[in-house]
Amino acid sequence: MSYANVDGLNTYYETHGTGDPLVLLHGGLATAESWAAQIPDLAKHYQVIVPERRGHGRTADADGRYTYRLMAAETARLLDTLGVSAAHLVGWSDGAMVAALVAIDRPELVEKIVLIGQYFTPDGAAPGVQALLADAVAMTAWARESYAALSPDGPGHFDAVTAKLLRMWREDTGIPTDELARITAPALVMQGDGDFVTVEHSAHVTRTLAEAQLAVVPGTSHGLPMEKPALVNQLLLDFLGGEHPPQLIPLVTP
C-alpha cells in the first residue's frame, strides 16, 4: 500500500506480485477491493498495480469537475511517476473508459487492453440504464459505507464526490467510433449477458478495434468480475498470456 504524488494529488495504489506490469482500473465509486478476486491469480504471473482515482477509496478528491479524459491523464501520469513504460490495462466499468482513453492518448503505455462492462457511447447502454442514472440514490447509496471508512476527505464529502460522478455519467458523451479505432493495442472486450452495455454495442466495439476479441459471460450482470471470478481470471490470463490455440475452423484464412 503506497502513495504517489501525481500533479499534487496524493494517489493511492497497491502492488502485488512480480513480472510485467498489469494495471487494474476500478469502476465508479469502487475501490481497489473490487479486484480482490482477481489479484491473487493475476499476481502469480504479473506485477499487479491497483490505483484508486481521485475521490475514490483512499485517494482524496480535488477541485474541479470529473471527466473520463482527466482520469485517463492522471492514470497515465501515475504510470510515468512509477517508472512504468508499458503495461497491460484491465478496466471495469468507468475503469474501462479510462483504459481506452489511455490507449488512445498514450498508446506507448499500453501492451494489451481489457475492457469490461462499459458502453463507450450513450446508445450502447442497455435498456434501463438511463432510468438508473436518473436515480441518484440507487446509483450511489451502495458505496456510502466504504467511502466513509476509507476516504481521507471524511464521510461528509461523499455527496460532493457523487454529484461530480453523476454529472460525468449523465453528460460525458464517451468515445466516438473514430477515436476508438485509434486503439492499436490487442484488446479483449468482455461483458455479462445482463450487463449495463448491450451485446450489440460490445460487438460493434470489437469490430471497430484493430485487433480484438469478444467475451460475453452468461448468467452475469455488471458485477461480472465478482460474480464469476474464476472464469474471468482464466479469460484474462489466456488473453494476456499470448498463448492461444490455433483456430480450427476460421471464417477468414490467413
Foldseek 3Di string as FASTA:
>chain_A
DAFDQQVNWTKDKDWAAADFEEEEAEAPLAALCLCVLQRVLCRVHHTYMYIAFDPHFQTHHDDDFDALLVRLVSVVSVCVRVVQQAYAYEYAHSGLLSQLNVCLPPVRHYQEYEREQYFQFVVQFDPPPVVCLVDLCNVQVVSLVSCQVGYPVHSVCSVVSSVRVSCNVVPPGGADLVSLLSRAHEYEYEYEPAERGHPVRSVVSQVSYPHYHYYYHYPDYSSVCVPCVVVVNVVVCQVVVPDDDDDPDDPDDD
